[in-house]
Amino acid sequence: MANLRSLKKDVAFLTNEIVADAQASILRHPDRKPEQALSIIEEAVEMYNQLFLRINKPEPEAKDNPKLLKQHYRAIKKDLLENSHKLFQRIASL
């Protein structure tokens, strides 16, 4: 991880892509249960909020220990990629 700014940009970018794909799915196929696409959008927004909260407020013991801080941010990046992948798969199945 280069810095926090790039991590925040990654979170924002992937969330925006998920929301855009879900909206495009609703527009392309309005007859195929738009409620499912809306629930994906809600989950993406919730993921965004949770990840930004974790980025901005690391655990107190991690603040003083660079090794723990690095592990903390690696875990956030891993969660971002896993959750994004799951949401993209759900969009593809619509």
C-alpha atoms as a PDB file:
ATOM      1  CA  MET A   1       0.000   0.000   0.000  1.00  0.00           C
ATOM      2  CA  ALA A   2       1.499   3.292  -1.067  1.00  0.00           C
ATOM      3  CA  ASN A   3      -0.540   5.576   1.174  1.00  0.00           C
ATOM      4  CA  LEU A   4      -3.948   6.162   2.696  1.00  0.00           C
ATOM      5  CA  ARG A   5      -5.037   8.456  -0.092  1.00  0.00           C
ATOM      6  CA  SER A   6      -4.678   5.700  -2.677  1.00  0.00           C
ATOM      7  CA  LEU A   7      -6.543   3.245  -0.438  1.00  0.00           C
ATOM      8  CA  LYS A   8      -9.395   5.720  -0.053  1.00  0.00           C
ATOM      9  CA  LYS A   9      -9.442   6.283  -3.811  1.00  0.00           C
ATOM     10  CA  ASP A  10      -9.599   2.517  -4.390  1.00  0.00           C
ATOM     11  CA  VAL A  11     -12.559   2.202  -2.016  1.00  0.00           C
ATOM     12  CA  ALA A  12     -14.374   5.077  -3.692  1.00  0.00           C
ATOM     13  CA  PHE A  13     -13.615   3.833  -7.216  1.00  0.00           C
ATOM     14  CA  LEU A  14     -14.767   0.259  -6.652  1.00  0.00           C
ATOM     15  CA  THR A  15     -17.896   1.397  -4.838  1.00  0.00           C
ATOM     16  CA  ASN A  16     -18.759   3.777  -7.677  1.00  0.00           C
ATOM     17  CA  GLU A  17     -18.231   1.008 -10.233  1.00  0.00           C
ATOM     18  CA  ILE A  18     -20.526  -1.355  -8.320  1.00  0.00           C
ATOM     19  CA  VAL A  19     -23.245   1.287  -8.075  1.00  0.00           C
ATOM     20  CA  ALA A  20     -22.911   2.208 -11.760  1.00  0.00           C
ATOM     21  CA  ASP A  21     -23.094  -1.434 -12.863  1.00  0.00           C
ATOM     22  CA  ALA A  22     -26.149  -2.051 -10.693  1.00  0.00           C
ATOM     23  CA  GLN A  23     -27.863   1.047 -12.084  1.00  0.00           C
ATOM     24  CA  ALA A  24     -27.024  -0.008 -15.629  1.00  0.00           C
ATOM     25  CA  SER A  25     -28.535  -3.409 -14.904  1.00  0.00           C
ATOM     26  CA  ILE A  26     -31.751  -1.748 -13.755  1.00  0.00           C
ATOM     27  CA  LEU A  27     -31.888   0.394 -16.895  1.00  0.00           C
ATOM     28  CA  ARG A  28     -31.117  -2.482 -19.269  1.00  0.00           C
ATOM     29  CA  HIS A  29     -33.491  -4.984 -17.679  1.00  0.00           C
ATOM     30  CA  PRO A  30     -36.289  -3.182 -15.790  1.00  0.00           C
ATOM     31  CA  ASP A  31     -38.376  -6.365 -15.789  1.00  0.00           C
ATOM     32  CA  ARG A  32     -35.751  -8.449 -13.892  1.00  0.00           C
ATOM     33  CA  LYS A  33     -36.374  -7.562 -10.253  1.00  0.00           C
ATOM     34  CA  PRO A  34     -34.799  -4.146  -9.763  1.00  0.00           C
ATOM     35  CA  GLU A  35     -35.135  -4.711  -5.998  1.00  0.00           C
ATOM     36  CA  GLN A  36     -32.126  -7.044  -6.131  1.00  0.00           C
ATOM     37  CA  ALA A  37     -30.014  -4.402  -7.855  1.00  0.00           C
ATOM     38  CA  LEU A  38     -31.113  -1.822  -5.307  1.00  0.00           C
ATOM     39  CA  SER A  39     -30.103  -4.129  -2.472  1.00  0.00           C
ATOM     40  CA  ILE A  40     -26.662  -4.492  -4.092  1.00  0.00           C
ATOM     41  CA  ILE A  41     -26.370  -0.703  -4.193  1.00  0.00           C
ATOM     42  CA  GLU A  42     -27.300  -0.503  -0.515  1.00  0.00           C
ATOM     43  CA  GLU A  43     -24.681  -3.117   0.357  1.00  0.00           C
ATOM     44  CA  ALA A  44     -22.050  -1.237  -1.641  1.00  0.00           C
ATOM     45  CA  VAL A  45     -22.806   1.982   0.212  1.00  0.00           C
ATOM     46  CA  GLU A  46     -22.675   0.148   3.540  1.00  0.00           C
ATOM     47  CA  MET A  47     -19.320  -1.403   2.536  1.00  0.00           C
ATOM     48  CA  TYR A  48     -18.025   2.063   1.625  1.00  0.00           C
ATOM     49  CA  ASN A  49     -19.082   3.522   4.976  1.00  0.00           C
ATOM     50  CA  GLN A  50     -17.620   0.655   6.996  1.00  0.00           C
ATOM     51  CA  LEU A  51     -14.296   0.673   5.163  1.00  0.00           C
ATOM     52  CA  PHE A  52     -13.882   4.429   5.481  1.00  0.00           C
ATOM     53  CA  LEU A  53     -14.659   4.183   9.175  1.00  0.00           C
ATOM     54  CA  ARG A  54     -11.969   1.510   9.553  1.00  0.00           C
ATOM     55  CA  ILE A  55      -9.482   3.548   7.502  1.00  0.00           C
ATOM     56  CA  ASN A  56     -10.001   6.759   9.438  1.00  0.00           C
ATOM     57  CA  LYS A  57     -10.102   5.205  12.919  1.00  0.00           C
ATOM     58  CA  PRO A  58      -7.597   2.384  13.338  1.00  0.00           C
ATOM     59  CA  GLU A  59      -7.462   0.521  16.628  1.00  0.00           C
ATOM     60  CA  PRO A  60      -5.631   2.442  19.388  1.00  0.00           C
ATOM     61  CA  GLU A  61      -2.940  -0.207  19.857  1.00  0.00           C
ATOM     62  CA  ALA A  62      -2.238  -0.192  16.106  1.00  0.00           C
ATOM     63  CA  LYS A  63      -1.635   3.558  16.027  1.00  0.00           C
ATOM     64  CA  ASP A  64       1.604   3.237  17.979  1.00  0.00           C
ATOM     65  CA  ASN A  65       2.836   0.069  16.291  1.00  0.00           C
ATOM     66  CA  PRO A  66       3.693   0.438  12.579  1.00  0.00           C
ATOM     67  CA  LYS A  67       3.630  -3.312  12.033  1.00  0.00           C
ATOM     68  CA  LEU A  68       0.082  -3.627  13.382  1.00  0.00           C
ATOM     69  CA  LEU A  69      -0.983  -0.567  11.419  1.00  0.00           C
ATOM     70  CA  LYS A  70       0.299  -2.099   8.187  1.00  0.00           C
ATOM     71  CA  GLN A  71      -1.583  -5.331   8.948  1.00  0.00           C
ATOM     72  CA  HIS A  72      -4.717  -3.305   9.676  1.00  0.00           C
ATOM     73  CA  TYR A  73      -4.626  -1.574   6.297  1.00  0.00           C
ATOM     74  CA  ARG A  74      -3.793  -4.799   4.462  1.00  0.00           C
ATOM     75  CA  ALA A  75      -6.874  -6.389   6.044  1.00  0.00           C
ATOM     76  CA  ILE A  76      -8.982  -3.455   4.845  1.00  0.00           C
ATOM     77  CA  LYS A  77      -7.669  -3.834   1.296  1.00  0.00           C
ATOM     78  CA  LYS A  78      -8.344  -7.572   1.386  1.00  0.00           C
ATOM     79  CA  ASP A  79     -11.908  -6.998   2.622  1.00  0.00           C
ATOM     80  CA  LEU A  80     -12.443  -4.391  -0.089  1.00  0.00           C
ATOM     81  CA  LEU A  81     -11.384  -6.777  -2.842  1.00  0.00           C
ATOM     82  CA  GLU A  82     -13.367  -9.733  -1.498  1.00  0.00           C
ATOM     83  CA  ASN A  83     -16.567  -7.760  -0.932  1.00  0.00           C
ATOM     84  CA  SER A  84     -16.299  -6.009  -4.294  1.00  0.00           C
ATOM     85  CA  HIS A  85     -15.822  -9.317  -6.047  1.00  0.00           C
ATOM     86  CA  LYS A  86     -18.919 -10.770  -4.362  1.00  0.00           C
ATOM     87  CA  LEU A  87     -21.032  -7.749  -5.291  1.00  0.00           C
ATOM     88  CA  PHE A  88     -19.818  -7.812  -8.916  1.00  0.00           C
ATOM     89  CA  GLN A  89     -20.715 -11.497  -9.099  1.00  0.00           C
ATOM     90  CA  ARG A  90     -24.206 -10.750  -7.814  1.00  0.00           C
ATOM     91  CA  ILE A  91     -24.596  -8.033 -10.448  1.00  0.00           C
ATOM     92  CA  ALA A  92     -23.469 -10.444 -13.158  1.00  0.00           C
ATOM     93  CA  SER A  93     -26.096 -12.965 -12.047  1.00  0.00           C
ATOM     94  CA  LEU A  94     -28.949 -10.448 -12.465  1.00  0.00           C
END
